[in-house]
Amino acid sequence: MADQADRQHMHECEARQWLRLGYSSEAMVDELREKVAAKRGAAAAERLIEEMRRQWKRRSEWLGRDHV
């Protein structure tokens, strides 16, 4: 089983991928929330969206250029 740091890294990568795919508007995030909740439950969907918010604030770091 992956340790906590590995799980966190995977969670961050997933959040970044959804953002790269354009899930940044309220409507798209609501759509994603429904998709994830249907497969993994509401708590998992909320954790993902919270991580997406954290990653959005840090996007200039992981995009490699200034996107703020």
PDB file of N, CA and C in Angstrom:
ATOM      1  N   MET A   1       0.845  -1.188   0.000  1.00  0.00           N
ATOM      2  CA  MET A   1       0.000   0.000   0.000  1.00  0.00           C
ATOM      3  C   MET A   1       0.890   1.251   0.000  1.00  0.00           C
ATOM      4  N   ALA A   2       0.477   2.228  -0.738  1.00  0.00           N
ATOM      5  CA  ALA A   2       1.249   3.468  -0.842  1.00  0.00           C
ATOM      6  C   ALA A   2       1.254   4.201   0.494  1.00  0.00           C
ATOM      7  N   ASP A   3       2.373   4.833   0.779  1.00  0.00           N
ATOM      8  CA  ASP A   3       2.410   5.603   2.013  1.00  0.00           C
ATOM      9  C   ASP A   3       1.696   6.942   1.819  1.00  0.00           C
ATOM     10  N   GLN A   4       1.597   7.693   2.893  1.00  0.00           N
ATOM     11  CA  GLN A   4       0.838   8.950   2.879  1.00  0.00           C
ATOM     12  C   GLN A   4       1.372   9.941   1.855  1.00  0.00           C
ATOM     13  N   ALA A   5       2.680  10.055   1.734  1.00  0.00           N
ATOM     14  CA  ALA A   5       3.264  11.005   0.777  1.00  0.00           C
ATOM     15  C   ALA A   5       2.922  10.610  -0.655  1.00  0.00           C
ATOM     16  N   ASP A   6       2.958   9.321  -0.949  1.00  0.00           N
ATOM     17  CA  ASP A   6       2.597   8.849  -2.288  1.00  0.00           C
ATOM     18  C   ASP A   6       1.131   9.113  -2.590  1.00  0.00           C
ATOM     19  N   ARG A   7       0.270   8.848  -1.620  1.00  0.00           N
ATOM     20  CA  ARG A   7      -1.173   9.100  -1.816  1.00  0.00           C
ATOM     21  C   ARG A   7      -1.437  10.581  -2.054  1.00  0.00           C
ATOM     22  N   GLN A   8      -0.754  11.435  -1.283  1.00  0.00           N
ATOM     23  CA  GLN A   8      -0.929  12.877  -1.453  1.00  0.00           C
ATOM     24  C   GLN A   8      -0.464  13.315  -2.837  1.00  0.00           C
ATOM     25  N   HIS A   9       0.664  12.777  -3.275  1.00  0.00           N
ATOM     26  CA  HIS A   9       1.185  13.127  -4.601  1.00  0.00           C
ATOM     27  C   HIS A   9       0.194  12.700  -5.687  1.00  0.00           C
ATOM     28  N   MET A  10      -0.356  11.509  -5.567  1.00  0.00           N
ATOM     29  CA  MET A  10      -1.336  11.035  -6.549  1.00  0.00           C
ATOM     30  C   MET A  10      -2.585  11.924  -6.539  1.00  0.00           C
ATOM     31  N   HIS A  11      -3.004  12.345  -5.365  1.00  0.00           N
ATOM     32  CA  HIS A  11      -4.170  13.218  -5.227  1.00  0.00           C
ATOM     33  C   HIS A  11      -3.909  14.563  -5.913  1.00  0.00           C
ATOM     34  N   GLU A  12      -2.720  15.118  -5.704  1.00  0.00           N
ATOM     35  CA  GLU A  12      -2.345  16.385  -6.341  1.00  0.00           C
ATOM     36  C   GLU A  12      -2.310  16.235  -7.859  1.00  0.00           C
ATOM     37  N   CYS A  13      -1.744  15.140  -8.336  1.00  0.00           N
ATOM     38  CA  CYS A  13      -1.667  14.908  -9.787  1.00  0.00           C
ATOM     39  C   CYS A  13      -3.054  14.787 -10.407  1.00  0.00           C
ATOM     40  N   GLU A  14      -3.950  14.088  -9.726  1.00  0.00           N
ATOM     41  CA  GLU A  14      -5.307  13.963 -10.244  1.00  0.00           C
ATOM     42  C   GLU A  14      -5.980  15.330 -10.312  1.00  0.00           C
ATOM     43  N   ALA A  15      -5.840  16.120  -9.267  1.00  0.00           N
ATOM     44  CA  ALA A  15      -6.452  17.446  -9.241  1.00  0.00           C
ATOM     45  C   ALA A  15      -5.910  18.307 -10.380  1.00  0.00           C
ATOM     46  N   ARG A  16      -4.611  18.263 -10.588  1.00  0.00           N
ATOM     47  CA  ARG A  16      -3.998  19.043 -11.669  1.00  0.00           C
ATOM     48  C   ARG A  16      -4.509  18.587 -13.032  1.00  0.00           C
ATOM     49  N   GLN A  17      -4.670  17.279 -13.205  1.00  0.00           N
ATOM     50  CA  GLN A  17      -5.146  16.765 -14.488  1.00  0.00           C
ATOM     51  C   GLN A  17      -6.556  17.266 -14.791  1.00  0.00           C
ATOM     52  N   TRP A  18      -7.433  17.237 -13.814  1.00  0.00           N
ATOM     53  CA  TRP A  18      -8.792  17.741 -14.053  1.00  0.00           C
ATOM     54  C   TRP A  18      -8.753  19.225 -14.412  1.00  0.00           C
ATOM     55  N   LEU A  19      -7.882  19.979 -13.758  1.00  0.00           N
ATOM     56  CA  LEU A  19      -7.755  21.400 -14.089  1.00  0.00           C
ATOM     57  C   LEU A  19      -7.233  21.583 -15.510  1.00  0.00           C
ATOM     58  N   ARG A  20      -6.265  20.787 -15.895  1.00  0.00           N
ATOM     59  CA  ARG A  20      -5.730  20.860 -17.268  1.00  0.00           C
ATOM     60  C   ARG A  20      -6.821  20.538 -18.296  1.00  0.00           C
ATOM     61  N   LEU A  21      -7.750  19.669 -17.918  1.00  0.00           N
ATOM     62  CA  LEU A  21      -8.834  19.283 -18.826  1.00  0.00           C
ATOM     63  C   LEU A  21      -9.955  20.326 -18.882  1.00  0.00           C
ATOM     64  N   GLY A  22      -9.799  21.408 -18.133  1.00  0.00           N
ATOM     65  CA  GLY A  22     -10.757  22.504 -18.221  1.00  0.00           C
ATOM     66  C   GLY A  22     -11.815  22.534 -17.138  1.00  0.00           C
ATOM     67  N   TYR A  23     -11.669  21.717 -16.121  1.00  0.00           N
ATOM     68  CA  TYR A  23     -12.650  21.705 -15.033  1.00  0.00           C
ATOM     69  C   TYR A  23     -12.322  22.808 -14.034  1.00  0.00           C
ATOM     70  N   SER A  24     -12.572  24.042 -14.465  1.00  0.00           N
ATOM     71  CA  SER A  24     -12.260  25.181 -13.597  1.00  0.00           C
ATOM     72  C   SER A  24     -13.447  26.124 -13.413  1.00  0.00           C
ATOM     73  N   SER A  25     -14.469  25.983 -14.227  1.00  0.00           N
ATOM     74  CA  SER A  25     -15.657  26.821 -14.048  1.00  0.00           C
ATOM     75  C   SER A  25     -16.599  26.162 -13.046  1.00  0.00           C
ATOM     76  N   GLU A  26     -17.484  26.920 -12.495  1.00  0.00           N
ATOM     77  CA  GLU A  26     -18.432  26.388 -11.513  1.00  0.00           C
ATOM     78  C   GLU A  26     -19.259  25.244 -12.095  1.00  0.00           C
ATOM     79  N   ALA A  27     -19.729  25.407 -13.322  1.00  0.00           N
ATOM     80  CA  ALA A  27     -20.550  24.371 -13.954  1.00  0.00           C
ATOM     81  C   ALA A  27     -19.750  23.089 -14.178  1.00  0.00           C
ATOM     82  N   MET A  28     -18.505  23.233 -14.639  1.00  0.00           N
ATOM     83  CA  MET A  28     -17.674  22.049 -14.884  1.00  0.00           C
ATOM     84  C   MET A  28     -17.308  21.353 -13.572  1.00  0.00           C
ATOM     85  N   VAL A  29     -17.045  22.110 -12.539  1.00  0.00           N
ATOM     86  CA  VAL A  29     -16.718  21.519 -11.244  1.00  0.00           C
ATOM     87  C   VAL A  29     -17.932  20.791 -10.679  1.00  0.00           C
ATOM     88  N   ASP A  30     -19.112  21.352 -10.846  1.00  0.00           N
ATOM     89  CA  ASP A  30     -20.333  20.670 -10.406  1.00  0.00           C
ATOM     90  C   ASP A  30     -20.517  19.352 -11.153  1.00  0.00           C
ATOM     91  N   GLU A  31     -20.230  19.362 -12.444  1.00  0.00           N
ATOM     92  CA  GLU A  31     -20.314  18.141 -13.251  1.00  0.00           C
ATOM     93  C   GLU A  31     -19.312  17.099 -12.744  1.00  0.00           C
ATOM     94  N   LEU A  32     -18.100  17.543 -12.478  1.00  0.00           N
ATOM     95  CA  LEU A  32     -17.075  16.638 -11.972  1.00  0.00           C
ATOM     96  C   LEU A  32     -17.472  16.089 -10.606  1.00  0.00           C
ATOM     97  N   ARG A  33     -18.007  16.933  -9.745  1.00  0.00           N
ATOM     98  CA  ARG A  33     -18.446  16.501  -8.412  1.00  0.00           C
ATOM     99  C   ARG A  33     -19.437  15.350  -8.533  1.00  0.00           C
ATOM    100  N   GLU A  34     -20.379  15.480  -9.452  1.00  0.00           N
ATOM    101  CA  GLU A  34     -21.379  14.428  -9.652  1.00  0.00           C
ATOM    102  C   GLU A  34     -20.728  13.141 -10.157  1.00  0.00           C
ATOM    103  N   LYS A  35     -19.813  13.257 -11.120  1.00  0.00           N
ATOM    104  CA  LYS A  35     -19.124  12.079 -11.671  1.00  0.00           C
ATOM    105  C   LYS A  35     -18.348  11.341 -10.589  1.00  0.00           C
ATOM    106  N   VAL A  36     -17.565  12.079  -9.840  1.00  0.00           N
ATOM    107  CA  VAL A  36     -16.720  11.455  -8.825  1.00  0.00           C
ATOM    108  C   VAL A  36     -17.573  10.887  -7.694  1.00  0.00           C
ATOM    109  N   ALA A  37     -18.582  11.619  -7.281  1.00  0.00           N
ATOM    110  CA  ALA A  37     -19.445  11.148  -6.196  1.00  0.00           C
ATOM    111  C   ALA A  37     -20.152   9.849  -6.583  1.00  0.00           C
ATOM    112  N   ALA A  38     -20.543   9.724  -7.830  1.00  0.00           N
ATOM    113  CA  ALA A  38     -21.219   8.508  -8.274  1.00  0.00           C
ATOM    114  C   ALA A  38     -20.304   7.287  -8.191  1.00  0.00           C
ATOM    115  N   LYS A  39     -19.010   7.494  -8.406  1.00  0.00           N
ATOM    116  CA  LYS A  39     -18.067   6.371  -8.403  1.00  0.00           C
ATOM    117  C   LYS A  39     -17.392   6.147  -7.051  1.00  0.00           C
ATOM    118  N   ARG A  40     -17.060   7.257  -6.357  1.00  0.00           N
ATOM    119  CA  ARG A  40     -16.245   7.144  -5.143  1.00  0.00           C
ATOM    120  C   ARG A  40     -16.919   7.683  -3.888  1.00  0.00           C
ATOM    121  N   GLY A  41     -18.066   8.310  -4.042  1.00  0.00           N
ATOM    122  CA  GLY A  41     -18.765   8.872  -2.889  1.00  0.00           C
ATOM    123  C   GLY A  41     -18.563  10.375  -2.773  1.00  0.00           C
ATOM    124  N   ALA A  42     -19.473  11.005  -2.035  1.00  0.00           N
ATOM    125  CA  ALA A  42     -19.480  12.462  -1.890  1.00  0.00           C
ATOM    126  C   ALA A  42     -18.233  12.986  -1.183  1.00  0.00           C
ATOM    127  N   ALA A  43     -17.762  12.271  -0.170  1.00  0.00           N
ATOM    128  CA  ALA A  43     -16.589  12.741   0.578  1.00  0.00           C
ATOM    129  C   ALA A  43     -15.359  12.782  -0.330  1.00  0.00           C
ATOM    130  N   ALA A  44     -15.192  11.776  -1.160  1.00  0.00           N
ATOM    131  CA  ALA A  44     -14.051  11.749  -2.084  1.00  0.00           C
ATOM    132  C   ALA A  44     -14.151  12.880  -3.094  1.00  0.00           C
ATOM    133  N   ALA A  45     -15.351  13.158  -3.564  1.00  0.00           N
ATOM    134  CA  ALA A  45     -15.544  14.250  -4.516  1.00  0.00           C
ATOM    135  C   ALA A  45     -15.173  15.581  -3.878  1.00  0.00           C
ATOM    136  N   GLU A  46     -15.580  15.791  -2.655  1.00  0.00           N
ATOM    137  CA  GLU A  46     -15.259  17.050  -1.976  1.00  0.00           C
ATOM    138  C   GLU A  46     -13.760  17.169  -1.713  1.00  0.00           C
ATOM    139  N   ARG A  47     -13.099  16.064  -1.362  1.00  0.00           N
ATOM    140  CA  ARG A  47     -11.640  16.100  -1.160  1.00  0.00           C
ATOM    141  C   ARG A  47     -10.934  16.473  -2.457  1.00  0.00           C
ATOM    142  N   LEU A  48     -11.394  15.904  -3.569  1.00  0.00           N
ATOM    143  CA  LEU A  48     -10.785  16.210  -4.866  1.00  0.00           C
ATOM    144  C   LEU A  48     -10.964  17.688  -5.207  1.00  0.00           C
ATOM    145  N   ILE A  49     -12.132  18.212  -5.014  1.00  0.00           N
ATOM    146  CA  ILE A  49     -12.399  19.612  -5.354  1.00  0.00           C
ATOM    147  C   ILE A  49     -11.602  20.548  -4.450  1.00  0.00           C
ATOM    148  N   GLU A  50     -11.455  20.200  -3.186  1.00  0.00           N
ATOM    149  CA  GLU A  50     -10.619  21.014  -2.295  1.00  0.00           C
ATOM    150  C   GLU A  50      -9.171  21.001  -2.767  1.00  0.00           C
ATOM    151  N   GLU A  51      -8.699  19.836  -3.201  1.00  0.00           N
ATOM    152  CA  GLU A  51      -7.327  19.766  -3.710  1.00  0.00           C
ATOM    153  C   GLU A  51      -7.197  20.555  -5.002  1.00  0.00           C
ATOM    154  N   MET A  52      -8.210  20.530  -5.835  1.00  0.00           N
ATOM    155  CA  MET A  52      -8.188  21.322  -7.067  1.00  0.00           C
ATOM    156  C   MET A  52      -8.071  22.806  -6.734  1.00  0.00           C
ATOM    157  N   ARG A  53      -8.760  23.247  -5.698  1.00  0.00           N
ATOM    158  CA  ARG A  53      -8.656  24.651  -5.274  1.00  0.00           C
ATOM    159  C   ARG A  53      -7.236  24.982  -4.818  1.00  0.00           C
ATOM    160  N   ARG A  54      -6.628  24.071  -4.053  1.00  0.00           N
ATOM    161  CA  ARG A  54      -5.249  24.303  -3.605  1.00  0.00           C
ATOM    162  C   ARG A  54      -4.296  24.344  -4.798  1.00  0.00           C
ATOM    163  N   GLN A  55      -4.495  23.430  -5.738  1.00  0.00           N
ATOM    164  CA  GLN A  55      -3.619  23.383  -6.908  1.00  0.00           C
ATOM    165  C   GLN A  55      -3.831  24.586  -7.817  1.00  0.00           C
ATOM    166  N   TRP A  56      -5.041  25.091  -7.895  1.00  0.00           N
ATOM    167  CA  TRP A  56      -5.305  26.279  -8.709  1.00  0.00           C
ATOM    168  C   TRP A  56      -4.477  27.456  -8.204  1.00  0.00           C
ATOM    169  N   LYS A  57      -4.369  27.580  -6.895  1.00  0.00           N
ATOM    170  CA  LYS A  57      -3.588  28.668  -6.307  1.00  0.00           C
ATOM    171  C   LYS A  57      -2.092  28.510  -6.592  1.00  0.00           C
ATOM    172  N   ARG A  58      -1.643  27.262  -6.827  1.00  0.00           N
ATOM    173  CA  ARG A  58      -0.229  26.979  -7.054  1.00  0.00           C
ATOM    174  C   ARG A  58       0.078  26.716  -8.521  1.00  0.00           C
ATOM    175  N   ARG A  59      -0.837  26.976  -9.424  1.00  0.00           N
ATOM    176  CA  ARG A  59      -0.691  26.545 -10.814  1.00  0.00           C
ATOM    177  C   ARG A  59       0.546  27.089 -11.512  1.00  0.00           C
ATOM    178  N   SER A  60       1.017  28.266 -11.137  1.00  0.00           N
ATOM    179  CA  SER A  60       2.224  28.787 -11.790  1.00  0.00           C
ATOM    180  C   SER A  60       3.426  27.892 -11.487  1.00  0.00           C
ATOM    181  N   GLU A  61       3.426  27.237 -10.338  1.00  0.00           N
ATOM    182  CA  GLU A  61       4.515  26.318  -9.982  1.00  0.00           C
ATOM    183  C   GLU A  61       4.505  25.084 -10.881  1.00  0.00           C
ATOM    184  N   TRP A  62       3.363  24.430 -11.017  1.00  0.00           N
ATOM    185  CA  TRP A  62       3.331  23.175 -11.754  1.00  0.00           C
ATOM    186  C   TRP A  62       3.141  23.338 -13.250  1.00  0.00           C
ATOM    187  N   LEU A  63       2.738  24.525 -13.696  1.00  0.00           N
ATOM    188  CA  LEU A  63       2.662  24.757 -15.128  1.00  0.00           C
ATOM    189  C   LEU A  63       4.018  25.210 -15.684  1.00  0.00           C
ATOM    190  N   GLY A  64       4.894  25.632 -14.805  1.00  0.00           N
ATOM    191  CA  GLY A  64       6.233  25.994 -15.226  1.00  0.00           C
ATOM    192  C   GLY A  64       6.349  27.399 -15.804  1.00  0.00           C
ATOM    193  N   ARG A  65       5.311  28.163 -15.717  1.00  0.00           N
ATOM    194  CA  ARG A  65       5.350  29.560 -16.184  1.00  0.00           C
ATOM    195  C   ARG A  65       4.283  30.343 -15.428  1.00  0.00           C
ATOM    196  N   ASP A  66       4.317  31.616 -15.559  1.00  0.00           N
ATOM    197  CA  ASP A  66       3.397  32.467 -14.806  1.00  0.00           C
ATOM    198  C   ASP A  66       2.013  32.480 -15.446  1.00  0.00           C
ATOM    199  N   HIS A  67       1.046  31.897 -14.754  1.00  0.00           N
ATOM    200  CA  HIS A  67      -0.352  31.866 -15.204  1.00  0.00           C
ATOM    201  C   HIS A  67      -1.280  32.508 -14.200  1.00  0.00           C
ATOM    202  N   VAL A  68      -0.759  33.278 -13.284  1.00  0.00           N
ATOM    203  CA  VAL A  68      -1.573  33.882 -12.238  1.00  0.00           C
ATOM    204  C   VAL A  68      -2.340  35.059 -12.758  1.00  0.00           C
TER     205      VAL A  68
END
